[in-house]
Every structure is written in structure tokens, then in C-alpha cells.
Protein backbone atom coordinates (compact mmCIF):
# COMPACT_ATOMS: atom_id res chain seq x y z
CA MET A 1 120.73 59.25 163.75
CA SER A 2 122.44 57.99 160.83
CA SER A 3 125.45 60.05 159.24
CA ASN A 4 123.86 60.42 155.93
CA SER A 5 120.18 61.72 157.05
CA ARG A 6 119.56 65.02 155.30
CA VAL A 7 117.68 67.64 157.05
CA PHE A 8 116.02 70.84 155.39
CA VAL A 9 116.09 73.90 157.64
CA ALA A 10 112.46 75.08 156.45
CA ARG A 11 111.52 71.88 158.14
CA LEU A 12 113.27 72.09 161.10
CA VAL A 13 111.91 75.38 162.07
CA GLY A 14 109.10 75.08 164.39
CA LEU A 15 110.03 71.50 165.70
CA SER A 16 109.85 71.05 169.24
CA VAL A 17 113.17 70.25 171.37
CA PHE A 18 113.16 68.00 173.92
CA ASP A 19 115.88 67.40 176.75
CA PRO A 20 116.70 63.86 177.65
CA LEU A 21 113.72 63.42 180.35
CA GLY A 22 111.61 64.10 177.84
CA ASP A 23 110.55 67.58 178.98
CA GLU A 24 110.12 70.44 175.81
CA VAL A 25 113.09 73.24 175.96
CA GLY A 26 111.30 75.10 173.23
CA ARG A 27 111.02 75.38 169.40
CA VAL A 28 113.74 75.65 166.61
CA ARG A 29 113.42 79.00 164.97
CA ASP A 30 116.96 79.25 163.07
CA VAL A 31 120.16 77.45 162.43
CA VAL A 32 123.50 79.06 162.86
CA LEU A 33 126.13 78.42 160.15
CA VAL A 34 129.91 79.43 159.81
CA LEU A 35 130.47 80.23 156.12
CA SER A 36 134.30 80.43 156.08
CA THR A 37 134.50 76.89 157.28
CA ARG A 38 134.31 73.82 154.88
CA LEU A 39 134.29 70.26 156.29
CA ARG A 40 135.85 67.55 153.99
CA GLY A 41 134.44 68.88 150.47
CA ARG A 42 131.15 69.97 152.13
CA GLY A 43 129.75 73.44 152.79
CA PRO A 44 129.92 75.57 155.66
CA ARG A 45 129.59 74.16 158.81
CA ALA A 46 126.69 74.42 161.28
CA ILE A 47 127.47 75.16 164.80
CA GLY A 48 124.04 75.14 166.61
CA LEU A 49 120.27 75.86 166.71
CA VAL A 50 118.59 78.92 167.54
CA VAL A 51 115.57 77.96 169.98
CA GLU A 52 112.78 79.84 171.20
CA VAL A 53 112.23 79.15 175.37
CA PRO A 54 108.97 80.14 177.05
CA GLY A 55 109.12 83.68 177.48
CA ARG A 56 109.68 84.37 173.27
CA ARG A 57 113.41 84.70 174.53
CA ARG A 58 115.70 82.74 172.03
CA VAL A 59 118.48 80.98 173.36
CA PHE A 60 121.51 78.99 171.34
CA VAL A 61 121.81 74.88 171.16
CA PRO A 62 125.34 73.68 170.00
CA MET A 63 124.88 70.97 167.46
CA THR A 64 127.09 68.95 169.39
CA ARG A 65 124.46 68.77 172.07
CA VAL A 66 121.82 67.51 169.38
CA THR A 67 121.30 63.75 169.56
CA THR A 68 118.25 63.33 167.10
CA ILE A 69 116.25 65.05 164.78
CA ASP A 70 113.49 62.75 163.89
CA ALA A 71 109.62 62.16 163.51
CA GLY A 72 109.26 65.66 163.94
CA GLN A 73 111.15 66.64 166.97
CA VAL A 74 115.05 67.57 168.06
CA ILE A 75 116.31 65.69 170.95
CA THR A 76 119.32 67.62 172.66
CA THR A 77 121.35 65.83 175.71
CA GLY A 78 123.10 67.99 178.41
CA LEU A 79 122.30 71.46 179.77
CA VAL A 80 120.72 74.41 177.45
CA ASN A 81 122.38 77.89 178.26
CA MET A 82 119.50 80.30 178.66
CA ARG A 83 121.26 83.25 177.84
CA ARG A 84 119.66 85.06 174.94
CA PHE A 85 121.25 84.59 171.74
CA GLU A 86 123.10 87.22 170.55
CA GLN A 87 124.62 86.04 166.80
CA ARG A 88 128.69 86.52 166.81
CA PRO A 89 130.57 88.23 164.00
CA GLY A 90 131.62 85.62 161.32
CA GLU A 91 128.26 83.80 162.39
CA THR A 92 125.49 83.49 159.66
CA SER A 93 121.90 82.86 160.57
CA VAL A 94 120.14 80.61 157.53
CA VAL A 95 116.37 81.91 157.79
CA ALA A 96 116.84 85.61 158.70
CA GLU A 97 119.97 85.99 156.16
CA LEU A 98 120.32 83.02 153.58
CA PHE A 99 116.85 82.36 152.72
CA ASP A 100 115.81 84.91 149.82
CA ARG A 101 119.74 85.74 149.14
CA PRO A 102 120.56 85.81 145.20
CA VAL A 103 123.40 83.52 144.56
CA ARG A 104 124.52 81.63 140.97
CA VAL A 105 123.78 77.81 140.51
CA LEU A 106 125.22 75.48 138.25
CA VAL A 107 122.46 73.43 136.51
CA ASP A 108 123.87 72.95 133.19
CA HIS A 109 127.30 72.74 132.10
CA GLU A 110 126.49 74.02 128.80
CA THR A 111 125.06 77.05 129.90
CA GLY A 112 126.73 77.71 132.98
CA LEU A 113 126.21 79.52 136.19
CA GLU A 114 122.69 81.30 136.84
CA PRO A 115 120.86 83.60 138.66
CA ALA A 116 118.83 81.92 141.27
CA VAL A 117 117.17 83.02 144.61
CA VAL A 118 118.28 80.16 147.57
CA GLU A 119 114.58 79.30 149.16
CA ASP A 120 115.99 76.58 151.94
CA VAL A 121 119.15 74.92 152.84
CA ALA A 122 119.71 71.05 153.23
CA LEU A 123 122.04 69.91 156.18
CA GLU A 124 123.78 66.44 156.69
CA GLN A 125 125.86 65.10 159.43
CA LEU A 126 129.02 63.55 158.45
CA PRO A 127 130.87 60.61 160.50
CA SER A 128 132.92 63.25 162.31
CA ARG A 129 129.04 64.27 163.68
CA ASP A 130 129.86 67.28 162.48
CA TRP A 131 126.88 69.15 160.56
CA ALA A 132 127.41 70.76 157.09
CA VAL A 133 125.58 72.39 154.51
CA THR A 134 125.64 70.15 151.23
CA ARG A 135 122.88 71.01 148.94
CA ILE A 136 121.05 74.48 148.29
CA PHE A 137 117.30 74.50 147.29
CA ALA A 138 116.89 77.55 144.95
CA ARG A 139 114.58 79.23 142.52
CA LYS A 140 115.96 80.11 139.39
CA GLY A 141 115.84 83.69 138.38
CA ALA A 142 116.87 87.10 139.58
CA PRO A 143 114.26 89.01 141.79
CA SER A 144 112.97 92.39 140.80
CA ARG A 145 111.49 95.22 142.05
CA SER A 146 107.86 95.86 142.04
CA ARG A 147 106.73 99.22 140.16
CA SER A 148 106.43 100.86 143.87
CA GLY A 149 110.15 100.43 144.67
CA LEU A 150 108.92 98.69 148.32
CA GLN A 151 109.40 95.35 148.13
CA LEU A 152 111.36 92.50 145.73
CA ARG A 153 109.14 90.22 143.90
CA ARG A 154 109.77 86.32 144.27
CA PRO A 155 111.10 84.94 141.13
CA LYS A 156 108.79 82.56 139.01
CA GLY A 157 111.66 80.65 137.70
CA GLU A 158 111.80 76.79 138.19
CA THR A 159 112.80 75.37 141.36
CA VAL A 160 116.46 73.36 141.53
CA LEU A 161 118.07 71.31 144.06
CA VAL A 162 122.13 71.66 143.52
CA PRO A 163 125.23 70.44 145.44
CA ILE A 164 126.88 73.18 147.66
CA THR A 165 129.78 72.88 145.27
CA ASP A 166 127.39 74.48 142.55
CA VAL A 167 126.80 77.58 144.23
CA GLU A 168 128.18 80.43 143.91
CA GLY A 169 128.11 83.78 146.16
CA LEU A 170 126.11 82.16 149.12
CA HIS A 171 128.67 84.07 151.21
CA LEU A 172 127.85 87.38 149.70
CA SER A 173 125.20 89.77 151.52
CA ALA A 174 123.51 91.34 148.71
CA ALA A 175 122.74 95.15 148.31
CA GLU A 176 119.05 93.93 147.75
CA GLN A 177 117.64 90.71 148.87
CA GLY A 178 114.00 89.83 149.12
CA ALA A 179 112.17 88.44 152.20
CA HIS A 180 109.66 85.88 150.67
CA ALA A 181 110.71 82.49 152.09
CA LEU A 182 111.79 84.21 155.26
CA LEU A 183 108.03 85.51 155.82
CA ASP A 184 107.08 82.00 154.78
CA SER A 185 108.87 80.46 157.55
CA LEU A 186 106.86 83.00 159.89
CA GLU A 187 103.81 82.98 158.76
CA ASP A 188 102.37 80.57 161.48
CA ARG A 189 103.52 83.10 164.28
CA LYS A 190 101.45 85.47 166.19
CA PRO A 191 102.01 89.24 165.75
CA ALA A 192 103.82 89.54 168.81
CA ASP A 193 106.23 86.51 168.22
CA LEU A 194 106.94 88.40 164.73
CA ALA A 195 107.87 91.66 166.58
CA ASP A 196 110.29 89.44 168.17
CA ALA A 197 111.81 88.05 165.40
CA ILE A 198 112.57 91.30 163.03
CA GLN A 199 113.91 93.09 166.60
CA ASP A 200 116.73 90.24 166.26
CA LEU A 201 117.33 91.34 162.28
CA THR A 202 120.12 93.98 161.28
CA PRO A 203 118.74 97.06 160.24
CA LYS A 204 119.26 96.29 156.64
CA ARG A 205 117.61 93.16 156.88
CA ARG A 206 114.79 94.88 159.14
CA ALA A 207 113.84 97.13 156.31
CA GLU A 208 114.09 94.24 153.83
CA VAL A 209 111.55 92.04 155.85
CA THR A 210 108.97 94.86 156.80
CA SER A 211 108.76 96.00 152.96
CA ALA A 212 107.82 92.85 151.49
CA MET A 213 105.17 92.46 154.27
CA ASN A 214 101.76 93.35 153.22
CA ASP A 215 100.03 96.62 155.09
CA GLU A 216 97.96 94.44 157.66
CA MET A 217 100.82 92.14 158.74
CA LEU A 218 103.10 95.02 159.01
CA ALA A 219 100.25 97.27 161.05
CA ASP A 220 100.33 94.28 163.45
CA VAL A 221 104.01 94.17 163.94
CA LEU A 222 104.32 97.55 164.35
CA GLU A 223 101.57 97.85 167.05
CA GLU A 224 103.92 95.16 168.96
CA LEU A 225 107.26 96.66 168.53
CA PRO A 226 108.88 99.54 171.18
CA ASP A 227 108.49 103.23 170.17
CA ASP A 228 111.97 103.40 168.71
CA ASP A 229 111.93 100.52 166.36
CA ARG A 230 108.31 100.97 165.07
CA VAL A 231 109.39 105.13 164.37
CA GLU A 232 112.60 103.72 162.59
CA ILE A 233 110.33 101.15 160.16
CA LEU A 234 107.74 103.70 159.49
CA THR A 235 109.99 106.72 158.88
CA SER A 236 111.49 104.13 156.66
CA LEU A 237 108.80 103.95 154.25
CA THR A 238 107.81 106.13 151.50
CA THR A 239 104.70 108.52 152.74
CA GLU A 240 102.04 106.96 150.81
CA ARG A 241 103.08 103.48 152.10
CA ALA A 242 103.25 104.62 156.03
CA ALA A 243 99.77 106.27 155.63
CA ASP A 244 98.33 103.16 153.98
CA VAL A 245 99.85 101.29 156.95
CA LEU A 246 98.63 103.81 159.83
CA GLU A 247 94.98 103.21 158.21
CA VAL A 248 95.19 99.32 159.02
CA MET A 249 96.47 100.00 162.51
CA GLU A 250 94.15 100.46 165.47
CA PRO A 251 93.35 104.14 165.75
CA ASP A 252 94.85 104.14 169.48
CA ASP A 253 98.29 102.23 168.41
CA ALA A 254 98.36 104.58 165.27
CA THR A 255 98.28 107.42 167.57
CA ASP A 256 100.84 106.42 170.16
CA LEU A 257 103.19 106.38 166.98
CA LEU A 258 102.00 109.18 165.53
CA SER A 259 102.55 111.05 168.71
CA GLU A 260 106.43 110.03 168.62
CA LEU A 261 106.74 111.92 165.33
CA PRO A 262 107.54 115.87 164.17
CA ALA A 263 104.39 117.75 163.97
CA ASP A 264 104.96 118.41 160.47
CA THR A 265 105.42 114.99 159.55
CA VAL A 266 102.30 113.82 161.27
CA GLU A 267 100.15 116.38 159.52
CA GLU A 268 101.89 115.19 155.95
CA LEU A 269 100.69 111.64 157.01
CA LEU A 270 97.22 112.34 158.10
CA GLN A 271 96.62 114.31 154.70
CA MET A 272 97.69 111.19 152.88
CA MET A 273 95.19 109.05 154.79
CA GLU A 274 91.49 108.72 154.07
CA PRO A 275 89.35 111.35 155.74
CA ASP A 276 87.51 108.69 157.50
CA GLU A 277 90.53 106.65 158.44
CA ALA A 278 92.16 110.15 159.63
CA ALA A 279 89.47 111.79 161.57
CA PRO A 280 89.29 109.32 164.69
CA ILE A 281 93.15 109.62 164.91
CA ARG A 282 93.04 113.37 165.06
CA ARG A 283 90.67 113.47 167.69
CA LEU A 284 92.92 111.08 169.97
CA LEU A 285 95.80 113.71 169.25
CA THR A 286 93.98 116.42 171.13
CA TYR A 287 94.22 114.21 174.27
CA ASP A 288 97.03 113.84 176.56
CA GLU A 289 98.13 110.38 176.41
CA ASN A 290 97.87 109.24 180.04
CA THR A 291 94.18 109.95 180.13
CA ALA A 292 91.19 108.05 179.28
CA GLY A 293 90.76 110.13 175.59
CA GLY A 294 94.52 109.29 174.92
CA MET A 295 94.22 105.80 175.70
CA MET A 296 90.69 104.86 174.62
CA THR A 297 90.03 103.16 171.19
CA PRO A 298 87.46 105.27 169.50
CA GLU A 299 85.81 102.06 167.56
CA PRO A 300 84.24 100.18 170.38
CA VAL A 301 81.35 97.79 169.24
CA ILE A 302 78.54 100.11 169.22
CA LEU A 303 74.92 98.85 168.29
CA GLY A 304 71.15 100.56 168.68
CA PRO A 305 68.74 99.07 171.25
CA GLU A 306 66.49 97.41 168.62
CA ALA A 307 69.47 95.43 167.64
CA SER A 308 69.16 91.73 168.47
CA ILE A 309 71.26 88.96 170.33
CA ALA A 310 71.93 87.40 167.32
CA GLU A 311 73.18 90.30 165.39
CA ALA A 312 75.36 91.55 168.57
CA LEU A 313 76.79 87.66 168.49
CA ALA A 314 78.09 88.05 164.88
CA THR A 315 79.28 91.43 165.69
CA VAL A 316 81.75 90.67 168.32
CA ARG A 317 82.77 87.20 166.42
CA ARG A 318 84.60 89.32 163.96
CA GLN A 319 88.19 88.58 163.73
CA GLU A 320 89.93 92.02 163.93
CA LEU A 321 88.34 92.65 167.26
CA SER A 322 90.78 92.23 170.15
CA PRO A 323 88.81 90.02 173.09
CA ALA A 324 88.83 93.12 175.42
CA VAL A 325 87.01 95.24 172.66
CA ALA A 326 84.62 92.44 172.12
CA SER A 327 83.71 91.74 175.28
CA LEU A 328 81.49 94.46 175.77
CA VAL A 329 78.77 96.17 173.24
CA TYR A 330 77.62 99.42 173.96
CA VAL A 331 74.01 100.65 173.07
CA CYS A 332 73.62 104.26 172.23
CA ARG A 333 71.02 106.29 170.31
CA PRO A 334 72.18 107.33 166.59
CA PRO A 335 74.27 108.16 165.48
CA LEU A 336 76.15 104.99 165.94
CA GLU A 337 79.81 106.24 165.31
CA THR A 338 81.93 107.84 168.19
CA PRO A 339 80.81 110.56 168.97
CA THR A 340 77.53 108.93 169.02
CA GLY A 341 74.08 109.49 170.45
CA ARG A 342 73.75 109.21 174.62
CA LEU A 343 75.17 105.83 175.87
CA ILE A 344 71.94 104.14 177.34
CA GLY A 345 73.37 100.81 178.54
CA ILE A 346 76.45 98.43 177.84
CA VAL A 347 76.08 94.52 177.05
CA HIS A 348 78.41 92.12 178.36
CA ILE A 349 79.24 89.21 176.04
CA GLN A 350 78.06 86.58 178.62
CA LYS A 351 74.92 88.25 179.04
CA LEU A 352 74.77 87.82 175.06
CA LEU A 353 75.42 84.20 175.38
CA ARG A 354 72.59 83.53 178.05
CA GLU A 355 69.55 85.35 176.48
CA PRO A 356 67.62 84.07 173.34
CA PRO A 357 68.81 85.21 170.04
CA HIS A 358 65.63 87.00 168.89
CA GLN A 359 65.68 89.54 172.29
CA SER A 360 67.00 92.88 171.47
CA LEU A 361 69.58 94.43 173.18
CA GLY A 362 67.44 97.19 174.55
CA SER A 363 65.75 94.65 177.07
CA ILE A 364 68.91 93.35 178.60
CA LEU A 365 70.62 96.53 179.28
CA ASP A 366 73.16 96.85 182.21
CA ARG A 367 72.85 100.11 183.21
CA ASP A 368 74.85 99.79 186.67
CA PHE A 369 77.88 101.01 185.39
CA GLU A 370 80.42 104.45 185.53
CA PRO A 371 81.28 105.54 182.55
CA VAL A 372 84.86 107.98 182.81
CA THR A 373 85.59 111.24 181.10
CA ALA A 374 87.99 111.94 178.14
CA ASP A 375 90.17 113.78 181.00
CA ALA A 376 89.91 111.32 183.60
CA SER A 377 93.46 110.25 184.65
CA LEU A 378 95.29 106.70 184.19
CA GLU A 379 95.03 106.01 188.13
CA THR A 380 91.06 106.78 187.74
CA VAL A 381 90.72 104.75 185.11
CA THR A 382 92.78 101.78 186.76
CA ARG A 383 90.93 102.08 190.12
CA LEU A 384 87.78 101.64 188.40
CA MET A 385 88.73 98.67 186.08
CA ALA A 386 90.02 96.84 189.48
CA ASN A 387 86.92 98.13 191.75
CA TYR A 388 84.17 96.60 189.33
CA ASN A 389 86.17 93.84 187.73
CA MET A 390 85.96 95.32 184.25
CA VAL A 391 88.32 94.37 181.17
CA ALA A 392 87.03 97.55 179.40
CA LEU A 393 85.08 101.05 180.53
CA PRO A 394 83.03 103.65 178.21
CA VAL A 395 84.57 107.17 177.69
CA THR A 396 81.83 110.01 177.48
CA ASP A 397 81.38 113.55 176.91
CA GLU A 398 79.46 116.12 179.29
CA GLU A 399 76.40 114.96 177.49
CA GLY A 400 76.67 111.59 177.90
CA ARG A 401 77.87 110.85 174.30
CA LEU A 402 80.31 107.75 173.90
CA LEU A 403 83.44 108.94 172.43
CA GLY A 404 85.38 105.55 172.65
CA ALA A 405 86.26 102.67 175.48
CA VAL A 406 89.73 102.13 177.41
CA THR A 407 90.52 98.53 177.40
CA VAL A 408 92.43 96.77 179.97
CA ASP A 409 95.38 96.26 177.04
CA ASP A 410 95.30 99.78 176.83
CA VAL A 411 95.76 100.11 180.32
CA LEU A 412 98.46 97.72 180.84
CA ASP A 413 100.70 99.50 178.00
CA HIS A 414 100.21 102.63 180.27
CA ILE A 415 101.16 101.28 183.70
CA LEU A 416 104.15 98.48 182.54
CA PRO A 417 107.62 100.32 182.23
CA GLU A 418 108.44 102.00 178.98
CA ASP A 419 110.89 99.66 178.10
CA TRP A 420 108.86 96.82 178.66
CA ARG A 421 109.23 95.69 175.24
CA GLU A 422 112.48 96.04 175.19
CA GLU A 423 113.47 93.82 178.90
CA ARG A 424 115.00 91.14 176.64
CA HIS A 425 118.99 90.84 177.06
CA ASP A 426 118.96 91.04 181.19
CA GLU A 427 117.54 87.85 181.84
CA PRO A 428 119.75 85.80 184.31
CA ASP A 429 122.03 83.09 182.56
CA ASP A 430 119.89 80.14 184.00
CA LEU A 431 120.71 76.54 182.74
CA THR A 432 117.88 73.97 181.64
CA GLY A 433 117.67 70.17 181.28
CA THR A 434 120.21 67.69 182.90
CA ASP A 435 123.29 65.79 181.85
CA PRO A 436 123.67 62.45 182.97
CA ALA A 437 127.11 62.10 182.04
CA SER A 438 127.76 64.69 184.62
CA PRO A 439 128.09 63.56 188.22
CA ALA A 440 126.12 65.74 190.07
CA GLY A 441 123.90 66.38 186.74
CA LEU A 442 125.47 69.70 185.83
CA THR A 443 127.89 70.92 183.22
CA PRO A 444 130.03 74.40 183.34
CA LYS A 445 127.88 77.19 183.61
CA GLY A 446 129.19 78.69 179.83
CA GLU A 447 129.41 75.40 177.95
CA GLY A 448 125.79 75.82 176.61
CA ALA A 449 126.86 78.92 174.90
CA THR A 450 130.05 77.34 173.03
CA ARG A 451 130.22 78.08 169.54
CA VAL A 452 132.91 75.95 168.53
């Protein structure tokens, strides 16, 4: 790679990282700087990449091991230490911390320094093979709070690319910092990956990022976080915003979250919600969490027997439905909202795909199933799913009315250890890749984690 090549961090994020043999190691998620170090009049020194490897684990790859950044890929040499990345004092993550940071930039010597917000950072490799920040891409103007006070708006000024020497305040952590550029860099991530990235942020930065999310995105992230983290985030919001987010969440996930809060707080939030949105959550809160009633979703796919197969297929195609929920259609007598009229049968999605679209659901019903009652234990539900190879089970009352459905993902959440979402720091310090320069193809175990 030529010494004057310029790389923008926003374009670097998401690139695949390969070892010398051409095997993919992971994807770039961030760049780590030491702001206090300047190289030959250039900006802060870049010391490594944060790379996400399989298992959603983030590891540190020193810049000394990066041989090429070209053609949409990063190539490294030697071994990569697979110990989970933990940021050290004095280090700064570009995407997580510098994006959206308020600074002052010198665009015109006559007007002097002007307020701006960092949107990207340019790195260049020096003849010494060190990497340094050389330019800042910023948007002129200072961010302002929205009327609700929940998030910082993106400035509307023009964008400028200025040398690092014309930037002031890059090393200063702002009292208030937006998160739009950071969220833009994460927009292609799944909710579980977003939740993982948010867990790695400082509490202050986490609050800023979650405040800048829309309700739908925040709801998706809360559904993937450990209980402690999502309670912390929800209670940091205003009551009105928290109620809006709960309305967007799946009722069973919202119920799980509310069950971690004091009773008076729960009631206050339910009062702020729309009655139609709060009603299913109130019902779920009456059940023990380790019963079918406590695990079920009260909004499965429900249709009447006269509905056509075409109508059923259109319904299960809805993007907001999880695969497990969309796998079964529950055919009931009116009313068709839980608690429904009597459940008369179910139809698997595979059956829908095999029959003529104009045919009615009542003519292809599967009646050979065993529903569970709301007080059925977790063990009972798990055994039934395993015995009948089901990914979802109907939950009914004594009169056979459908109350909801327990899906396999609900069951997994309850049978996995309570801290399964938090088991991120106990992996062994494995090494991956090869080092042709080493006689045995190995390097010292700690070398992959060296920062300086």
C-alpha cells in the first residue's frame, strides 16, 4: 500500500478482514486512536482496528499487522489475538466516540474558527508505516436539542474537509454529543448486533445513542439487551418516551422488561400507553413468567375459517412478524383478537404453500394438535415442542379460546442461563491466522493485543 493512501473511517467500517491465506477473519467495526500522540506534525496516531469475528465478538488488530487496505478489503499478517477488545485508558474509538463530536474548524482565516460536528476521519499511512489522522470531514454548525429534549439534531450547515491542524477540540469530550453519524455507520446491523455494539459504549455515550434512535429501532435493541442494561436505558428516558417505546415492542418482551421495574413505575407507564397497546401487557403481567401464559405472545396470526390461503400468505409475509410467529396460522371463531372465540384448528405455513390460493383455511385445518393452558409449566411446553417438532404452540383457556402462542424463541430465552446475553468476556484467548515469518507459524500469545 502506498504511503500517501488516504482512508476514511466511515468507508473502512464494514470491510472484510482477511488473513495472509485468504481466509476471512471478520469485519472492521471501529478504529482506535491515541489522541495524545501526534506523528511528525500529523494528527493523532491510529493504533489498531476493532474487528468483529464470528460469534459477534470484537477483537483488536494492531495497525502494525495491517498490510493492505484496498479494493474493499483489509489484509493482515500474522496471528490475531481473539481476546475480546476492551478499550484502555487514553484510547479513543473513532466511530463510537469521535463521530458527532462538536469541534471548531478553521475554514476561512478571515472568519476564524467555526463550530462544526465531526462526521468522518481520514487516516494516512506515513513513510514510517505508522497511521495518523490527517483530515477531518465535518459539518459546519452546532447541534441543537429537539423540543422534546430527547436528542441532538444534525447540523444543517455545509460539509468541509479540513486538515487536522485546523481542528480544535477534537480531544475534548463534549457535555452533549449527538449520535447521527454513529447510527448511520450502524444502519445495516441487525438488532442483536446493534445491542452488542451499544453494550461496548460508555454509559454517557450509550444514553446519547439510544436517545437519538427512533422508537422502532430502540424497541428492537431493548429486546436484545440483558435485563440490567435495558432497565437502565428505559428508566433514563422520559415517561412519555418510555411508554412510546413499550408500545412498539412485542408485548411479551415489553412484559419481561416491565416485570423488572417497581410496581408504581409499571402502572405509571401503562397509564401513559394507549389502552389497546397496554391491555395485552396487563394480561401477561398476571401470569408467572415461567408458565405458558408468561412466555406467550398475545398477538399470533389469527384468521377465521372463511379466510383464503392467499389472505393467510399475505398476512404471514408481514415484515414485523418473526419466523416463529409466522410459521402458524391460528384459525378461530370470532372475535379474532385474543382472547378469541373457540380455536378450531391451525395451519402450517408449508401447508399454505402447497394448496391453491383460492381455497379457504377451513378446508385444510390441522386439528391434530395439543394446546396448552396458560398455567402450563416451562417443562411441559418444552416437552411438547420437542415431542411434536413444533416451533410454536397455542395457549388456550378452559373454553378453548385462544389466549396467545408460545414460540420456540420464547422458550429458548427461558431455558438458557439468565446471563447468556452477558457471556461476552469469558472466551479463551484463542489465536487465529498464520505468521509465515515465525518458524512454527506461531507468535507469542500476547502479541496480538499489543497497543503500542
